[in-house]
Structure formats: structure tokens, C-alpha cells
Amino acid sequence: MHIVSIPFEEPLIISINGQVVQIIAFKTQEHGNIKFGVNAPRSINVHREEIYHAIKQKQQQALVE
């Protein structure tokens, strides 16, 4: 895993399978909290980690049944 520091509201641009994805960090009104914005093509699925794991778990259960 790589750790990257970026300024607030400046996009981090990455390439996934040749497609450009932008990730932007925003400050919030709550002290110590930030939010992320993701701009990605519709062909790339974007999920929070817990949602991603839930999807994978359902897919594994479907294979067993």
C-alpha cells in the first residue's frame, strides 16, 4: 500500500485500466473530518470498503449455493 499526501480540493489523478479517475479531499464543518469526492467513468465501480466487502461476501455465498 502506498500513502499519498495531497492538498485539500486538489485532485489526485490515477489511471485504472487506462481510465482516468480523480480523487479529491474536502474539509468538512466537523473538526478532524474530511470527505472524499471521486470522479470516475461509469464502467469503474466505486464503493466504500465495507460495501465492497459485503458485495464480495454475497458473491462468494452465491457460488456456494
N, C-alpha and C. Protein backbone atom coordinates (compact mmCIF):
# COMPACT_ATOMS: atom_id res chain seq x y z
N MET A 1 0.84 -1.17 0.00
CA MET A 1 0.00 0.00 0.00
C MET A 1 0.89 1.23 0.00
N HIS A 2 0.46 2.23 -0.76
CA HIS A 2 1.18 3.50 -0.82
C HIS A 2 0.40 4.55 -0.05
N ILE A 3 1.10 5.43 0.64
CA ILE A 3 0.47 6.54 1.33
C ILE A 3 0.83 7.80 0.57
N VAL A 4 -0.20 8.56 0.20
CA VAL A 4 -0.02 9.76 -0.60
C VAL A 4 -0.64 10.94 0.13
N SER A 5 0.07 12.05 0.21
CA SER A 5 -0.48 13.28 0.79
C SER A 5 -0.81 14.25 -0.33
N ILE A 6 -2.04 14.79 -0.28
CA ILE A 6 -2.45 15.77 -1.28
C ILE A 6 -3.10 16.95 -0.56
N PRO A 7 -2.99 18.14 -1.13
CA PRO A 7 -3.67 19.29 -0.54
C PRO A 7 -5.20 19.16 -0.70
N PHE A 8 -5.94 19.79 0.21
CA PHE A 8 -7.39 19.77 0.10
C PHE A 8 -7.83 20.41 -1.21
N GLU A 9 -8.87 19.83 -1.79
CA GLU A 9 -9.52 20.31 -3.01
C GLU A 9 -8.61 20.34 -4.23
N GLU A 10 -7.52 19.57 -4.19
CA GLU A 10 -6.67 19.37 -5.37
C GLU A 10 -6.78 17.90 -5.77
N PRO A 11 -7.09 17.61 -7.02
CA PRO A 11 -7.33 16.21 -7.40
C PRO A 11 -6.06 15.36 -7.42
N LEU A 12 -6.22 14.15 -6.94
CA LEU A 12 -5.21 13.10 -7.14
C LEU A 12 -5.71 12.33 -8.36
N ILE A 13 -4.92 12.30 -9.40
CA ILE A 13 -5.35 11.65 -10.65
C ILE A 13 -4.61 10.33 -10.78
N ILE A 14 -5.40 9.26 -10.93
CA ILE A 14 -4.83 7.92 -11.11
C ILE A 14 -5.42 7.29 -12.36
N SER A 15 -4.76 6.28 -12.86
CA SER A 15 -5.24 5.56 -14.02
C SER A 15 -5.54 4.12 -13.61
N ILE A 16 -6.76 3.67 -13.91
CA ILE A 16 -7.17 2.29 -13.64
C ILE A 16 -7.55 1.67 -14.97
N ASN A 17 -6.78 0.68 -15.37
CA ASN A 17 -7.01 0.03 -16.67
C ASN A 17 -7.09 1.05 -17.80
N GLY A 18 -6.24 2.06 -17.76
CA GLY A 18 -6.20 3.07 -18.81
C GLY A 18 -7.27 4.13 -18.70
N GLN A 19 -8.11 4.09 -17.66
CA GLN A 19 -9.16 5.09 -17.49
C GLN A 19 -8.78 6.03 -16.34
N VAL A 20 -9.03 7.31 -16.52
CA VAL A 20 -8.62 8.33 -15.55
C VAL A 20 -9.66 8.44 -14.44
N VAL A 21 -9.17 8.43 -13.19
CA VAL A 21 -10.01 8.60 -12.01
C VAL A 21 -9.42 9.73 -11.18
N GLN A 22 -10.29 10.64 -10.73
CA GLN A 22 -9.86 11.74 -9.87
C GLN A 22 -10.42 11.54 -8.47
N ILE A 23 -9.57 11.74 -7.46
CA ILE A 23 -9.98 11.67 -6.06
C ILE A 23 -9.65 13.02 -5.43
N ILE A 24 -10.66 13.63 -4.77
CA ILE A 24 -10.48 14.95 -4.19
C ILE A 24 -10.89 14.90 -2.71
N ALA A 25 -10.04 15.44 -1.84
CA ALA A 25 -10.33 15.51 -0.39
C ALA A 25 -10.90 16.89 -0.08
N PHE A 26 -11.99 16.91 0.69
CA PHE A 26 -12.64 18.15 1.09
C PHE A 26 -12.68 18.26 2.61
N LYS A 27 -12.47 19.47 3.12
CA LYS A 27 -12.65 19.71 4.56
C LYS A 27 -14.16 19.75 4.85
N THR A 28 -14.53 19.39 6.08
CA THR A 28 -15.93 19.48 6.49
C THR A 28 -16.04 20.48 7.65
N GLN A 29 -17.27 20.77 8.03
CA GLN A 29 -17.51 21.66 9.16
C GLN A 29 -17.12 21.00 10.48
N GLU A 30 -17.15 19.66 10.53
CA GLU A 30 -16.81 18.92 11.75
C GLU A 30 -15.30 18.84 11.90
N HIS A 31 -14.81 19.22 13.06
CA HIS A 31 -13.37 19.24 13.31
C HIS A 31 -12.78 17.84 13.15
N GLY A 32 -11.71 17.74 12.38
CA GLY A 32 -11.00 16.48 12.23
C GLY A 32 -11.57 15.54 11.18
N ASN A 33 -12.65 15.92 10.51
CA ASN A 33 -13.26 15.06 9.50
C ASN A 33 -13.01 15.62 8.10
N ILE A 34 -12.91 14.71 7.14
CA ILE A 34 -12.81 15.09 5.74
C ILE A 34 -13.75 14.21 4.93
N LYS A 35 -14.06 14.63 3.72
CA LYS A 35 -14.86 13.83 2.80
C LYS A 35 -14.06 13.69 1.51
N PHE A 36 -14.34 12.62 0.79
CA PHE A 36 -13.67 12.38 -0.48
C PHE A 36 -14.69 12.43 -1.61
N GLY A 37 -14.31 13.04 -2.70
CA GLY A 37 -15.09 13.00 -3.91
C GLY A 37 -14.34 12.15 -4.92
N VAL A 38 -15.07 11.37 -5.68
CA VAL A 38 -14.45 10.51 -6.69
C VAL A 38 -15.14 10.78 -8.02
N ASN A 39 -14.35 11.09 -9.01
CA ASN A 39 -14.84 11.29 -10.37
C ASN A 39 -14.26 10.17 -11.22
N ALA A 40 -15.12 9.23 -11.60
CA ALA A 40 -14.66 8.06 -12.35
C ALA A 40 -15.67 7.72 -13.45
N PRO A 41 -15.21 7.10 -14.52
CA PRO A 41 -16.15 6.64 -15.55
C PRO A 41 -17.14 5.63 -14.96
N ARG A 42 -18.32 5.57 -15.53
CA ARG A 42 -19.35 4.64 -15.02
C ARG A 42 -18.92 3.18 -15.09
N SER A 43 -17.97 2.88 -15.93
CA SER A 43 -17.51 1.50 -16.06
C SER A 43 -16.66 1.05 -14.87
N ILE A 44 -16.26 1.99 -14.01
CA ILE A 44 -15.47 1.66 -12.82
C ILE A 44 -16.37 1.77 -11.59
N ASN A 45 -16.51 0.67 -10.86
CA ASN A 45 -17.32 0.67 -9.64
C ASN A 45 -16.54 1.31 -8.50
N VAL A 46 -17.19 2.22 -7.78
CA VAL A 46 -16.58 2.90 -6.64
C VAL A 46 -17.45 2.65 -5.41
N HIS A 47 -16.87 2.01 -4.38
CA HIS A 47 -17.60 1.69 -3.15
C HIS A 47 -16.73 1.99 -1.95
N ARG A 48 -17.38 2.29 -0.83
CA ARG A 48 -16.66 2.34 0.44
C ARG A 48 -16.20 0.92 0.75
N GLU A 49 -15.18 0.80 1.60
CA GLU A 49 -14.59 -0.50 1.87
C GLU A 49 -15.59 -1.51 2.42
N GLU A 50 -16.44 -1.09 3.36
CA GLU A 50 -17.39 -2.05 3.95
C GLU A 50 -18.43 -2.51 2.93
N ILE A 51 -18.80 -1.65 2.00
CA ILE A 51 -19.74 -2.04 0.95
C ILE A 51 -19.06 -3.03 -0.01
N TYR A 52 -17.83 -2.76 -0.36
CA TYR A 52 -17.06 -3.65 -1.22
C TYR A 52 -16.99 -5.05 -0.62
N HIS A 53 -16.68 -5.13 0.69
CA HIS A 53 -16.59 -6.44 1.35
C HIS A 53 -17.94 -7.15 1.40
N ALA A 54 -19.01 -6.40 1.61
CA ALA A 54 -20.34 -7.00 1.62
C ALA A 54 -20.69 -7.57 0.24
N ILE A 55 -20.35 -6.86 -0.81
CA ILE A 55 -20.61 -7.35 -2.18
C ILE A 55 -19.82 -8.62 -2.43
N LYS A 56 -18.54 -8.63 -2.06
CA LYS A 56 -17.71 -9.82 -2.27
C LYS A 56 -18.25 -11.01 -1.48
N GLN A 57 -18.71 -10.76 -0.25
CA GLN A 57 -19.24 -11.85 0.58
C GLN A 57 -20.49 -12.44 -0.05
N LYS A 58 -21.38 -11.60 -0.59
CA LYS A 58 -22.59 -12.08 -1.27
C LYS A 58 -22.24 -12.89 -2.51
N GLN A 59 -21.21 -12.44 -3.24
CA GLN A 59 -20.79 -13.18 -4.43
C GLN A 59 -20.24 -14.56 -4.05
N GLN A 60 -19.48 -14.64 -2.97
CA GLN A 60 -18.94 -15.92 -2.52
C GLN A 60 -20.06 -16.85 -2.06
N GLN A 61 -21.06 -16.30 -1.36
CA GLN A 61 -22.20 -17.10 -0.90
C GLN A 61 -22.98 -17.64 -2.08
N ALA A 62 -23.14 -16.83 -3.13
CA ALA A 62 -23.86 -17.27 -4.32
C ALA A 62 -23.13 -18.41 -5.02
N LEU A 63 -21.81 -18.42 -4.96
CA LEU A 63 -21.05 -19.51 -5.58
C LEU A 63 -21.21 -20.81 -4.82
N VAL A 64 -21.37 -20.72 -3.51
CA VAL A 64 -21.51 -21.92 -2.66
C VAL A 64 -22.89 -22.53 -2.83
N GLU A 65 -23.89 -21.72 -3.03
CA GLU A 65 -25.28 -22.22 -3.13
C GLU A 65 -25.58 -22.87 -4.42
